[in-house]
Amino acid sequence: KHHCIDNPVFFVETSGSNILTPRQACAVESTARHNPSLKINVLMTPINGINSNDVLIRKLRNISNIQIIDIKINELVCETPIWNWYVSGKWKKSKWKASHLSDALRFFLIWKYGGIYLDMDIVTLRSLEHLKNSAITENWERVASGILIFDKKHELMRRCMFDFAANYDSSNFVVNGPGTITRNIKSFCDIDNIGKVSGANCHVDIQPPTAAFPIPYDKWEEYFTPTSLHNISKIFNSSYLIHVWNKYSKFSKLKVGMNSLYELAMKEHCPSVHKYIQQVGYA
């Protein structure tokens, strides 16, 4: 039933919403445009089906390499290593349950199908197609779990999936995602420091923070501040994508016409979503 093919990209919307926000839609559109030969799978978990009349859902479905799929998580993870974790329901007690559900699904999906997993609070700026068995470090201390690019059945993803299920902590936002992948890269590559990965010969490629985090989490407001086009090319020069820190930025309105970094990135990389937000006035 799920048409996951070779080289998929996965986005996972686990809040139960039946539509996508403009920011989420921009993540999907920008990734599809920059990676035309990859199949973009947007997995959603709505209670009563996806709202196919929604303007943004319709816009995305007009792009040929995007498919938006209504998944039933219990069917997807049935008879897999995260099944027991899922049915135990511990995650339902967490105030970050949508985030923790997507933590579990990302390790599972990339282990099972291979390909690329991306968080939905990103804008893709260029092709990701040549990256292989890669993740991105936030600060050389911690590896982010929001961008994962691994071959199918990769041993590192298998370990992350089992570790996630075994050591799940519903009361902690960070430990389950970044904590899990950081710990497992260290043991898999037999290193005590993420900076040593390149010399470890474990065939895992760790990209520097600039690859996705040109602006660190404690300066997230810079994405919403007016800037110049000259500035944007300088800041994003060595980035594959930008991660706009939804955990902190979700309550900040992006006002159209202010020329914030985030809006300028949207205008260039997700033009049809940008057209929509121009009518609405904000995103």
C-alpha atoms as a PDB file:
ATOM      1  CA  LYS A   1       0.000   0.000   0.000  1.00  0.00           C
ATOM      2  CA  HIS A   2       2.851   2.391   0.737  1.00  0.00           C
ATOM      3  CA  HIS A   3       4.627   3.149  -2.498  1.00  0.00           C
ATOM      4  CA  CYS A   4       8.043   3.752  -0.960  1.00  0.00           C
ATOM      5  CA  ILE A   5      10.507   3.334  -3.764  1.00  0.00           C
ATOM      6  CA  ASP A   6      14.256   3.668  -4.170  1.00  0.00           C
ATOM      7  CA  ASN A   7      15.840   6.797  -2.749  1.00  0.00           C
ATOM      8  CA  PRO A   8      12.865   8.139  -0.867  1.00  0.00           C
ATOM      9  CA  VAL A   9      12.800  11.314   1.180  1.00  0.00           C
ATOM     10  CA  PHE A  10      10.580  11.151   4.260  1.00  0.00           C
ATOM     11  CA  PHE A  11       8.777  13.922   6.093  1.00  0.00           C
ATOM     12  CA  VAL A  12       6.639  12.858   9.035  1.00  0.00           C
ATOM     13  CA  GLU A  13       3.715  14.921  10.380  1.00  0.00           C
ATOM     14  CA  THR A  14       2.758  13.220  13.646  1.00  0.00           C
ATOM     15  CA  SER A  15       0.571  15.828  15.343  1.00  0.00           C
ATOM     16  CA  GLY A  16      -2.612  14.376  13.834  1.00  0.00           C
ATOM     17  CA  SER A  17      -3.271  17.472  11.714  1.00  0.00           C
ATOM     18  CA  ASN A  18      -5.049  16.941   8.371  1.00  0.00           C
ATOM     19  CA  ILE A  19      -3.295  19.885   6.662  1.00  0.00           C
ATOM     20  CA  LEU A  20       0.237  21.282   6.512  1.00  0.00           C
ATOM     21  CA  THR A  21       1.283  24.729   7.691  1.00  0.00           C
ATOM     22  CA  PRO A  22       2.972  27.044   5.160  1.00  0.00           C
ATOM     23  CA  ARG A  23       6.315  26.421   6.873  1.00  0.00           C
ATOM     24  CA  GLN A  24       5.910  22.652   6.616  1.00  0.00           C
ATOM     25  CA  ALA A  25       4.752  22.957   3.010  1.00  0.00           C
ATOM     26  CA  CYS A  26       7.849  25.035   2.225  1.00  0.00           C
ATOM     27  CA  ALA A  27      10.112  22.296   3.598  1.00  0.00           C
ATOM     28  CA  VAL A  28       8.418  19.813   1.273  1.00  0.00           C
ATOM     29  CA  GLU A  29       8.307  22.038  -1.824  1.00  0.00           C
ATOM     30  CA  SER A  30      11.922  23.218  -1.531  1.00  0.00           C
ATOM     31  CA  THR A  31      13.160  19.641  -1.093  1.00  0.00           C
ATOM     32  CA  ALA A  32      11.150  18.415  -4.085  1.00  0.00           C
ATOM     33  CA  ARG A  33      12.400  21.222  -6.339  1.00  0.00           C
ATOM     34  CA  HIS A  34      16.063  20.712  -5.486  1.00  0.00           C
ATOM     35  CA  ASN A  35      15.901  16.908  -5.697  1.00  0.00           C
ATOM     36  CA  PRO A  36      13.787  16.143  -8.766  1.00  0.00           C
ATOM     37  CA  SER A  37      14.959  12.539  -9.030  1.00  0.00           C
ATOM     38  CA  LEU A  38      14.008  11.697  -5.434  1.00  0.00           C
ATOM     39  CA  LYS A  39      10.493  10.725  -4.382  1.00  0.00           C
ATOM     40  CA  ILE A  40       9.251  12.960  -1.570  1.00  0.00           C
ATOM     41  CA  ASN A  41       6.963  11.073   0.838  1.00  0.00           C
ATOM     42  CA  VAL A  42       5.001  13.180   3.306  1.00  0.00           C
ATOM     43  CA  LEU A  43       3.586  10.808   5.906  1.00  0.00           C
ATOM     44  CA  MET A  44       0.642  12.212   7.841  1.00  0.00           C
ATOM     45  CA  THR A  45      -1.392  10.803  10.725  1.00  0.00           C
ATOM     46  CA  PRO A  46      -4.764  12.608  10.575  1.00  0.00           C
ATOM     47  CA  ILE A  47      -7.701  11.226  12.547  1.00  0.00           C
ATOM     48  CA  ASN A  48     -10.187  11.633   9.674  1.00  0.00           C
ATOM     49  CA  GLY A  49      -8.051  11.624   6.546  1.00  0.00           C
ATOM     50  CA  ILE A  50      -6.002  14.299   4.797  1.00  0.00           C
ATOM     51  CA  ASN A  51      -7.881  17.452   3.791  1.00  0.00           C
ATOM     52  CA  SER A  52      -7.422  17.191   0.019  1.00  0.00           C
ATOM     53  CA  ASN A  53      -9.162  20.532  -0.541  1.00  0.00           C
ATOM     54  CA  ASP A  54      -6.548  22.416   1.447  1.00  0.00           C
ATOM     55  CA  VAL A  55      -4.768  24.946  -0.792  1.00  0.00           C
ATOM     56  CA  LEU A  56      -1.268  23.918   0.254  1.00  0.00           C
ATOM     57  CA  ILE A  57      -1.964  20.177   0.010  1.00  0.00           C
ATOM     58  CA  ARG A  58      -3.255  20.792  -3.528  1.00  0.00           C
ATOM     59  CA  LYS A  59      -0.228  22.897  -4.478  1.00  0.00           C
ATOM     60  CA  LEU A  60       2.150  20.199  -3.249  1.00  0.00           C
ATOM     61  CA  ARG A  61       0.273  17.416  -4.991  1.00  0.00           C
ATOM     62  CA  ASN A  62       0.751  19.325  -8.261  1.00  0.00           C
ATOM     63  CA  ILE A  63       4.505  18.750  -7.974  1.00  0.00           C
ATOM     64  CA  SER A  64       5.230  15.435  -9.664  1.00  0.00           C
ATOM     65  CA  ASN A  65       7.739  13.953  -7.201  1.00  0.00           C
ATOM     66  CA  ILE A  66       5.661  14.581  -4.064  1.00  0.00           C
ATOM     67  CA  GLN A  67       3.223  12.134  -2.560  1.00  0.00           C
ATOM     68  CA  ILE A  68       1.259  12.852   0.598  1.00  0.00           C
ATOM     69  CA  ILE A  69       0.273   9.651   2.359  1.00  0.00           C
ATOM     70  CA  ASP A  70      -2.188   9.034   5.160  1.00  0.00           C
ATOM     71  CA  ILE A  71      -0.478   6.442   7.367  1.00  0.00           C
ATOM     72  CA  LYS A  72      -1.750   4.314  10.201  1.00  0.00           C
ATOM     73  CA  ILE A  73       1.232   4.082  12.508  1.00  0.00           C
ATOM     74  CA  ASN A  74       0.175   0.775  14.043  1.00  0.00           C
ATOM     75  CA  GLU A  75       0.142  -0.817  10.571  1.00  0.00           C
ATOM     76  CA  LEU A  76       3.449   0.760   9.609  1.00  0.00           C
ATOM     77  CA  VAL A  77       5.358  -0.402  12.693  1.00  0.00           C
ATOM     78  CA  CYS A  78       3.603  -3.734  13.164  1.00  0.00           C
ATOM     79  CA  GLU A  79       6.106  -6.563  13.809  1.00  0.00           C
ATOM     80  CA  THR A  80       9.064  -4.179  13.881  1.00  0.00           C
ATOM     81  CA  PRO A  81      11.561  -3.330  16.641  1.00  0.00           C
ATOM     82  CA  ILE A  82       9.566  -0.247  17.657  1.00  0.00           C
ATOM     83  CA  TRP A  83       6.221  -2.052  17.905  1.00  0.00           C
ATOM     84  CA  ASN A  84       6.515  -2.758  21.640  1.00  0.00           C
ATOM     85  CA  TRP A  85       7.570   0.813  22.295  1.00  0.00           C
ATOM     86  CA  TYR A  86       4.592   2.079  20.309  1.00  0.00           C
ATOM     87  CA  VAL A  87       1.951  -0.113  21.948  1.00  0.00           C
ATOM     88  CA  SER A  88       3.351   0.483  25.449  1.00  0.00           C
ATOM     89  CA  GLY A  89       1.988   4.015  24.976  1.00  0.00           C
ATOM     90  CA  LYS A  90       4.634   5.596  27.223  1.00  0.00           C
ATOM     91  CA  TRP A  91       5.105   8.303  24.613  1.00  0.00           C
ATOM     92  CA  LYS A  92       1.478   9.420  25.031  1.00  0.00           C
ATOM     93  CA  LYS A  93       2.369  10.811  28.463  1.00  0.00           C
ATOM     94  CA  SER A  94       4.991  13.126  27.013  1.00  0.00           C
ATOM     95  CA  LYS A  95       4.277  16.786  26.432  1.00  0.00           C
ATOM     96  CA  TRP A  96       6.371  16.351  23.281  1.00  0.00           C
ATOM     97  CA  LYS A  97       4.535  13.300  22.057  1.00  0.00           C
ATOM     98  CA  ALA A  98       4.323  14.364  18.390  1.00  0.00           C
ATOM     99  CA  SER A  99       8.055  15.014  18.404  1.00  0.00           C
ATOM    100  CA  HIS A 100       8.870  11.721  20.142  1.00  0.00           C
ATOM    101  CA  LEU A 101       6.660   9.791  17.748  1.00  0.00           C
ATOM    102  CA  SER A 102       8.542  11.303  14.850  1.00  0.00           C
ATOM    103  CA  ASP A 103      11.871  10.463  16.587  1.00  0.00           C
ATOM    104  CA  ALA A 104      10.845   6.802  16.637  1.00  0.00           C
ATOM    105  CA  LEU A 105       9.564   6.797  13.066  1.00  0.00           C
ATOM    106  CA  ARG A 106      12.638   8.471  11.545  1.00  0.00           C
ATOM    107  CA  PHE A 107      15.070   5.791  12.756  1.00  0.00           C
ATOM    108  CA  PHE A 108      12.653   3.063  11.717  1.00  0.00           C
ATOM    109  CA  LEU A 109      11.879   4.479   8.251  1.00  0.00           C
ATOM    110  CA  ILE A 110      15.505   5.095   7.311  1.00  0.00           C
ATOM    111  CA  TRP A 111      16.522   1.670   8.620  1.00  0.00           C
ATOM    112  CA  LYS A 112      13.726  -0.077   6.741  1.00  0.00           C
ATOM    113  CA  TYR A 113      13.667   1.832   3.444  1.00  0.00           C
ATOM    114  CA  GLY A 114      16.904   3.821   3.377  1.00  0.00           C
ATOM    115  CA  GLY A 115      16.930   7.329   1.933  1.00  0.00           C
ATOM    116  CA  ILE A 116      16.626  10.721   3.571  1.00  0.00           C
ATOM    117  CA  TYR A 117      14.664  11.818   6.629  1.00  0.00           C
ATOM    118  CA  LEU A 118      14.109  15.561   7.108  1.00  0.00           C
ATOM    119  CA  ASP A 119      12.428  17.586   9.840  1.00  0.00           C
ATOM    120  CA  MET A 120       9.605  19.858   8.692  1.00  0.00           C
ATOM    121  CA  ASP A 121      11.100  23.096  10.031  1.00  0.00           C
ATOM    122  CA  ILE A 122      13.679  23.374   7.275  1.00  0.00           C
ATOM    123  CA  VAL A 123      14.132  24.960   3.863  1.00  0.00           C
ATOM    124  CA  THR A 124      16.237  22.974   1.394  1.00  0.00           C
ATOM    125  CA  LEU A 125      18.647  25.186  -0.545  1.00  0.00           C
ATOM    126  CA  ARG A 126      20.364  22.709  -2.871  1.00  0.00           C
ATOM    127  CA  SER A 127      20.482  19.084  -3.946  1.00  0.00           C
ATOM    128  CA  LEU A 128      21.076  16.425  -1.288  1.00  0.00           C
ATOM    129  CA  GLU A 129      21.386  13.652  -3.840  1.00  0.00           C
ATOM    130  CA  HIS A 130      25.116  13.018  -3.533  1.00  0.00           C
ATOM    131  CA  LEU A 131      25.157  12.769   0.277  1.00  0.00           C
ATOM    132  CA  LYS A 132      25.564   9.218   1.557  1.00  0.00           C
ATOM    133  CA  ASN A 133      25.423   7.765   5.071  1.00  0.00           C
ATOM    134  CA  SER A 134      25.471  11.279   6.486  1.00  0.00           C
ATOM    135  CA  ALA A 135      24.221  13.245   9.432  1.00  0.00           C
ATOM    136  CA  ILE A 136      24.940  16.809  10.519  1.00  0.00           C
ATOM    137  CA  THR A 137      26.426  17.965  13.791  1.00  0.00           C
ATOM    138  CA  GLU A 138      24.858  20.926  15.592  1.00  0.00           C
ATOM    139  CA  ASN A 139      28.022  22.017  17.381  1.00  0.00           C
ATOM    140  CA  TRP A 140      30.589  19.169  17.216  1.00  0.00           C
ATOM    141  CA  GLU A 141      29.252  17.990  20.576  1.00  0.00           C
ATOM    142  CA  ARG A 142      25.938  16.676  19.401  1.00  0.00           C
ATOM    143  CA  VAL A 143      24.695  15.175  16.154  1.00  0.00           C
ATOM    144  CA  ALA A 144      21.271  16.370  15.013  1.00  0.00           C
ATOM    145  CA  SER A 145      18.577  13.784  14.362  1.00  0.00           C
ATOM    146  CA  GLY A 146      16.615  16.092  12.045  1.00  0.00           C
ATOM    147  CA  ILE A 147      18.536  15.222   8.897  1.00  0.00           C
ATOM    148  CA  LEU A 148      19.423  11.558   8.368  1.00  0.00           C
ATOM    149  CA  ILE A 149      20.734  10.127   5.093  1.00  0.00           C
ATOM    150  CA  PHE A 150      21.512   6.403   5.231  1.00  0.00           C
ATOM    151  CA  ASP A 151      21.424   3.267   3.135  1.00  0.00           C
ATOM    152  CA  LYS A 152      18.668   0.749   3.719  1.00  0.00           C
ATOM    153  CA  LYS A 153      19.220  -1.562   6.739  1.00  0.00           C
ATOM    154  CA  HIS A 154      22.268   0.440   7.828  1.00  0.00           C
ATOM    155  CA  GLU A 155      23.664  -0.950  11.080  1.00  0.00           C
ATOM    156  CA  LEU A 156      23.831   2.499  12.683  1.00  0.00           C
ATOM    157  CA  MET A 157      20.105   3.079  12.098  1.00  0.00           C
ATOM    158  CA  ARG A 158      19.324  -0.403  13.443  1.00  0.00           C
ATOM    159  CA  ARG A 159      21.224   0.419  16.633  1.00  0.00           C
ATOM    160  CA  CYS A 160      19.520   3.806  16.953  1.00  0.00           C
ATOM    161  CA  MET A 161      16.104   2.213  16.567  1.00  0.00           C
ATOM    162  CA  PHE A 162      16.718  -0.410  19.282  1.00  0.00           C
ATOM    163  CA  ASP A 163      18.435   2.082  21.581  1.00  0.00           C
ATOM    164  CA  PHE A 164      15.590   4.574  21.163  1.00  0.00           C
ATOM    165  CA  ALA A 165      13.012   1.968  22.177  1.00  0.00           C
ATOM    166  CA  ALA A 166      15.081   0.654  25.096  1.00  0.00           C
ATOM    167  CA  ASN A 167      16.101   3.996  26.596  1.00  0.00           C
ATOM    168  CA  TYR A 168      13.099   6.163  25.782  1.00  0.00           C
ATOM    169  CA  ASP A 169      12.561   9.041  28.213  1.00  0.00           C
ATOM    170  CA  SER A 170       9.162  10.706  27.836  1.00  0.00           C
ATOM    171  CA  SER A 171      10.176  13.653  30.023  1.00  0.00           C
ATOM    172  CA  ASN A 172      13.081  14.861  27.894  1.00  0.00           C
ATOM    173  CA  PHE A 173      12.882  16.768  24.612  1.00  0.00           C
ATOM    174  CA  VAL A 174      16.424  16.231  23.348  1.00  0.00           C
ATOM    175  CA  VAL A 175      17.691  12.913  24.634  1.00  0.00           C
ATOM    176  CA  ASN A 176      15.635  10.596  22.411  1.00  0.00           C
ATOM    177  CA  GLY A 177      16.634  12.054  19.052  1.00  0.00           C
ATOM    178  CA  PRO A 178      20.036  13.796  19.104  1.00  0.00           C
ATOM    179  CA  GLY A 179      21.064  11.893  22.249  1.00  0.00           C
ATOM    180  CA  THR A 180      20.386   8.543  20.609  1.00  0.00           C
ATOM    181  CA  ILE A 181      22.195   9.216  17.363  1.00  0.00           C
ATOM    182  CA  THR A 182      25.171  10.927  19.022  1.00  0.00           C
ATOM    183  CA  ARG A 183      25.704   8.057  21.472  1.00  0.00           C
ATOM    184  CA  ASN A 184      25.385   5.441  18.744  1.00  0.00           C
ATOM    185  CA  ILE A 185      27.734   7.151  16.295  1.00  0.00           C
ATOM    186  CA  LYS A 186      30.351   7.246  19.055  1.00  0.00           C
ATOM    187  CA  SER A 187      30.012   3.541  19.802  1.00  0.00           C
ATOM    188  CA  PHE A 188      29.602   2.512  16.143  1.00  0.00           C
ATOM    189  CA  CYS A 189      32.719   4.450  15.101  1.00  0.00           C
ATOM    190  CA  ASP A 190      34.551   3.727  18.368  1.00  0.00           C
ATOM    191  CA  ILE A 191      35.326   7.371  19.100  1.00  0.00           C
ATOM    192  CA  ASP A 192      34.894   9.603  22.147  1.00  0.00           C
ATOM    193  CA  ASN A 193      34.434  12.794  20.185  1.00  0.00           C
ATOM    194  CA  ILE A 194      32.241  13.542  17.151  1.00  0.00           C
ATOM    195  CA  GLY A 195      35.073  15.478  15.498  1.00  0.00           C
ATOM    196  CA  LYS A 196      37.000  12.218  15.121  1.00  0.00           C
ATOM    197  CA  VAL A 197      34.471  10.554  12.815  1.00  0.00           C
ATOM    198  CA  SER A 198      36.333  11.368   9.608  1.00  0.00           C
ATOM    199  CA  GLY A 199      39.436   9.512  10.764  1.00  0.00           C
ATOM    200  CA  ALA A 200      37.525   6.574  12.209  1.00  0.00           C
ATOM    201  CA  ASN A 201      36.981   4.711   8.940  1.00  0.00           C
ATOM    202  CA  CYS A 202      33.419   3.716   9.896  1.00  0.00           C
ATOM    203  CA  HIS A 203      31.901   5.013   6.629  1.00  0.00           C
ATOM    204  CA  VAL A 204      29.684   7.568   8.358  1.00  0.00           C
ATOM    205  CA  ASP A 205      29.980  11.130   7.127  1.00  0.00           C
ATOM    206  CA  ILE A 206      29.346  13.931   9.616  1.00  0.00           C
ATOM    207  CA  GLN A 207      28.695  17.304   7.986  1.00  0.00           C
ATOM    208  CA  PRO A 208      29.712  20.469   9.863  1.00  0.00           C
ATOM    209  CA  PRO A 209      27.106  22.676  11.590  1.00  0.00           C
ATOM    210  CA  THR A 210      27.023  25.143   8.669  1.00  0.00           C
ATOM    211  CA  ALA A 211      25.490  22.411   6.471  1.00  0.00           C
ATOM    212  CA  ALA A 212      22.098  22.906   8.191  1.00  0.00           C
ATOM    213  CA  PHE A 213      22.573  25.211  11.158  1.00  0.00           C
ATOM    214  CA  PRO A 214      24.252  28.391   9.879  1.00  0.00           C
ATOM    215  CA  ILE A 215      22.313  30.113  12.666  1.00  0.00           C
ATOM    216  CA  PRO A 216      22.523  28.256  16.001  1.00  0.00           C
ATOM    217  CA  TYR A 217      19.439  27.604  18.142  1.00  0.00           C
ATOM    218  CA  ASP A 218      20.152  30.402  20.613  1.00  0.00           C
ATOM    219  CA  LYS A 219      20.118  32.952  17.758  1.00  0.00           C
ATOM    220  CA  TRP A 220      16.999  31.578  16.030  1.00  0.00           C
ATOM    221  CA  GLU A 221      15.417  35.055  15.960  1.00  0.00           C
ATOM    222  CA  GLU A 222      17.864  36.056  13.216  1.00  0.00           C
ATOM    223  CA  TYR A 223      15.754  34.035  10.773  1.00  0.00           C
ATOM    224  CA  PHE A 224      12.858  36.432  11.437  1.00  0.00           C
ATOM    225  CA  THR A 225      14.844  39.676  11.261  1.00  0.00           C
ATOM    226  CA  PRO A 226      14.976  41.884   8.122  1.00  0.00           C
ATOM    227  CA  THR A 227      18.154  41.403   6.140  1.00  0.00           C
ATOM    228  CA  SER A 228      19.668  42.022   2.713  1.00  0.00           C
ATOM    229  CA  LEU A 229      20.081  39.662  -0.219  1.00  0.00           C
ATOM    230  CA  HIS A 230      23.829  40.125   0.007  1.00  0.00           C
ATOM    231  CA  ASN A 231      23.656  38.865   3.572  1.00  0.00           C
ATOM    232  CA  ILE A 232      21.637  35.792   2.699  1.00  0.00           C
ATOM    233  CA  SER A 233      24.135  34.442   0.188  1.00  0.00           C
ATOM    234  CA  LYS A 234      26.953  34.951   2.681  1.00  0.00           C
ATOM    235  CA  ILE A 235      25.136  33.236   5.553  1.00  0.00           C
ATOM    236  CA  PHE A 236      23.813  30.296   3.531  1.00  0.00           C
ATOM    237  CA  ASN A 237      26.885  29.878   1.365  1.00  0.00           C
ATOM    238  CA  SER A 238      27.884  26.473   2.733  1.00  0.00           C
ATOM    239  CA  SER A 239      24.455  25.145   3.707  1.00  0.00           C
ATOM    240  CA  TYR A 240      22.470  22.351   2.080  1.00  0.00           C
ATOM    241  CA  LEU A 241      19.438  23.449   4.030  1.00  0.00           C
ATOM    242  CA  ILE A 242      18.476  25.677   6.920  1.00  0.00           C
ATOM    243  CA  HIS A 243      16.812  24.488  10.081  1.00  0.00           C
ATOM    244  CA  VAL A 244      14.703  27.241  11.635  1.00  0.00           C
ATOM    245  CA  TRP A 245      14.312  25.795  15.153  1.00  0.00           C
ATOM    246  CA  ASN A 246      10.547  25.318  15.320  1.00  0.00           C
ATOM    247  CA  LYS A 247      10.759  24.416  19.015  1.00  0.00           C
ATOM    248  CA  TYR A 248      11.666  28.060  19.689  1.00  0.00           C
ATOM    249  CA  SER A 249      10.329  29.857  16.622  1.00  0.00           C
ATOM    250  CA  LYS A 250       6.852  28.368  16.291  1.00  0.00           C
ATOM    251  CA  PHE A 251       5.182  31.268  18.097  1.00  0.00           C
ATOM    252  CA  SER A 252       6.936  33.939  16.011  1.00  0.00           C
ATOM    253  CA  LYS A 253       4.954  35.158  13.041  1.00  0.00           C
ATOM    254  CA  LEU A 254       6.850  35.524   9.812  1.00  0.00           C
ATOM    255  CA  LYS A 255       5.493  38.750   8.339  1.00  0.00           C
ATOM    256  CA  VAL A 256       5.527  38.877   4.554  1.00  0.00           C
ATOM    257  CA  GLY A 257       7.414  41.813   3.054  1.00  0.00           C
ATOM    258  CA  MET A 258       9.803  42.299   5.968  1.00  0.00           C
ATOM    259  CA  ASN A 259      12.563  40.528   4.022  1.00  0.00           C
ATOM    260  CA  SER A 260      13.597  38.306   6.874  1.00  0.00           C
ATOM    261  CA  LEU A 261      16.173  35.610   6.142  1.00  0.00           C
ATOM    262  CA  TYR A 262      13.464  32.971   6.416  1.00  0.00           C
ATOM    263  CA  GLU A 263      11.136  34.762   4.004  1.00  0.00           C
ATOM    264  CA  LEU A 264      13.879  35.385   1.444  1.00  0.00           C
ATOM    265  CA  ALA A 265      14.758  31.691   1.596  1.00  0.00           C
ATOM    266  CA  MET A 266      11.084  30.822   1.076  1.00  0.00           C
ATOM    267  CA  LYS A 267      10.728  33.220  -1.843  1.00  0.00           C
ATOM    268  CA  GLU A 268      13.615  31.597  -3.663  1.00  0.00           C
ATOM    269  CA  HIS A 269      13.218  27.936  -2.713  1.00  0.00           C
ATOM    270  CA  CYS A 270       9.481  27.346  -2.251  1.00  0.00           C
ATOM    271  CA  PRO A 271       7.949  29.888  -4.657  1.00  0.00           C
ATOM    272  CA  SER A 272       4.452  28.439  -4.751  1.00  0.00           C
ATOM    273  CA  VAL A 273       4.148  28.405  -0.947  1.00  0.00           C
ATOM    274  CA  HIS A 274       5.564  31.923  -0.908  1.00  0.00           C
ATOM    275  CA  LYS A 275       2.895  33.052  -3.362  1.00  0.00           C
ATOM    276  CA  TYR A 276       0.279  31.686  -0.978  1.00  0.00           C
ATOM    277  CA  ILE A 277       1.702  33.463   2.082  1.00  0.00           C
ATOM    278  CA  GLN A 278       1.845  36.725   0.127  1.00  0.00           C
ATOM    279  CA  GLN A 279      -1.949  36.558  -0.051  1.00  0.00           C
ATOM    280  CA  VAL A 280      -2.295  35.664   3.627  1.00  0.00           C
ATOM    281  CA  GLY A 281       0.277  38.159   4.876  1.00  0.00           C
ATOM    282  CA  TYR A 282       2.222  35.900   7.214  1.00  0.00           C
ATOM    283  CA  ALA A 283       3.449  32.353   7.754  1.00  0.00           C
END
